[in-house]
């Protein structure tokens, strides 16, 4: 690890906060994806199937 001197705490906190934000965004995207997939499945189940 590079010597960050007096800025070590600030830099490490910035990395930590950035990492937490990235994790939160990924989790939010996954939760939204699952919710929308479930809604789409429900809509498709209620829709009558076309007869050919």
Protein backbone atom coordinates (compact mmCIF):
# COMPACT_ATOMS: atom_id res chain seq x y z
CA UNK A 1 0.00 0.00 0.00
CA UNK A 2 1.39 3.43 -0.86
CA UNK A 3 2.33 5.81 1.92
CA UNK A 4 -0.51 8.33 2.02
CA UNK A 5 0.84 10.33 4.94
CA UNK A 6 -1.61 12.67 6.60
CA UNK A 7 -4.22 11.97 3.90
CA UNK A 8 -4.48 8.25 4.64
CA UNK A 9 -7.73 8.48 6.62
CA UNK A 10 -9.39 10.73 4.03
CA UNK A 11 -8.35 8.58 1.08
CA UNK A 12 -9.30 5.29 2.75
CA UNK A 13 -12.67 6.69 3.83
CA UNK A 14 -13.29 7.88 0.26
CA UNK A 15 -12.48 4.39 -1.05
CA UNK A 16 -14.74 2.83 1.59
CA UNK A 17 -17.67 5.14 0.86
CA UNK A 18 -17.24 4.62 -2.89
CA UNK A 19 -17.23 0.86 -2.40
CA UNK A 20 -20.38 0.99 -0.29
CA UNK A 21 -22.13 3.13 -2.89
CA UNK A 22 -21.18 0.68 -5.65
CA UNK A 23 -22.46 -2.28 -3.62
CA UNK A 24 -25.70 -0.43 -2.84
CA UNK A 25 -26.25 0.38 -6.52
CA UNK A 26 -25.68 -3.23 -7.57
CA UNK A 27 -28.07 -4.50 -4.89
CA UNK A 28 -30.68 -1.91 -5.86
CA UNK A 29 -30.40 -2.97 -9.50
CA UNK A 30 -30.78 -6.66 -8.63
CA UNK A 31 -33.81 -6.03 -6.42
CA UNK A 32 -35.45 -3.88 -9.09
CA UNK A 33 -34.73 -6.49 -11.75
CA UNK A 34 -36.37 -9.24 -9.68
CA UNK A 35 -39.40 -7.03 -8.92
CA UNK A 36 -39.91 -6.06 -12.57
CA UNK A 37 -39.43 -9.66 -13.73
CA UNK A 38 -42.12 -10.78 -11.27
CA UNK A 39 -44.51 -8.02 -12.43
CA UNK A 40 -43.95 -8.93 -16.08
CA UNK A 41 -44.59 -12.59 -15.33
CA UNK A 42 -47.87 -11.68 -13.60
CA UNK A 43 -48.97 -9.54 -16.54
CA UNK A 44 -48.10 -12.29 -19.02
CA UNK A 45 -50.01 -14.86 -16.95
CA UNK A 46 -53.18 -12.72 -16.99
CA UNK A 47 -53.01 -12.05 -20.73
CA UNK A 48 -55.01 -14.49 -22.85
CA UNK A 49 -52.98 -16.60 -25.22
CA UNK A 50 -53.67 -16.06 -28.91
CA UNK A 51 -55.13 -19.03 -30.74
CA UNK A 52 -53.61 -19.85 -34.11
